[in-house]
Amino acid sequence: METLLTGSVLLSIFHALIPSHWLPVLAIGRQEGWSTRQMLWVTFLAGMAHVLSTVLLGGILAKVGESLAVQTETFTHWLAPVILVALGIYYVWRHYYHHHFHLHTHHMRWGMVASLAAAMFFSPCLEIEGYFLAAGRYGWAFTGLLAGVYGTVTILGMLFWVWLVLNGLHRLNWHKWEHNAGLVTGFTLLASGILLYFFD
């Protein structure tokens, strides 16, 4: 359990760093003349939408994991780690073929806010779903803990980076970070799968 929780925390931290999760809020907010408080509020709403869809999907996968764990010992020993490793390999591979997230919005303020929230809701964090699938075998209390940790770290991370950029970090090369985010995600998933197999 500790392996899954640690891996999910690390992945959530890296996940919150990805500029496509909070940079659209900054771009639109500056164009519209939003205050720092307004930008942080919209970031929070977008983050909540993103976390909600991820946790809903994660709950379904946790139920699948719980059912599989009840039916067979094999799942608890190697299938969940294999899924995490496979996801890790996929994200490392996708690093070389990924496309950036682009958002098109309307010209009304609340239309923009709704567009940002909808875009985040319909793009759940697929990287974390392997953790939910593996968590299902430990029951709903642990799954809820994992969901809470993921949601809290992701939203706080998004708010933190928006605040930092608004306070002087806008000169950093965010494109370079986003370009390499797939490798960080992939290797985190790979390490989690291997550790889960040998030590959990």
Foldseek 3Di string as FASTA:
>chain_A
DVLLLVLLLLLLLLVLLQCLLQVVLVVVCVVVVHDLVVSLVLSLLLLVLQLVLQLVLLVVLLQVLQVVVVVDVVCQAAVLLVVLLVLLVVLVVCLVVDDDDDFDFDDDPVRRSVSSNVVSNVDHDPLSSSSSNNCSNVPDVSSVVSSVSSSVSNSVSNSVVSVVCVVPPVPDDSVVSNSCSSNVSSVSSNVSSVCSNPPD
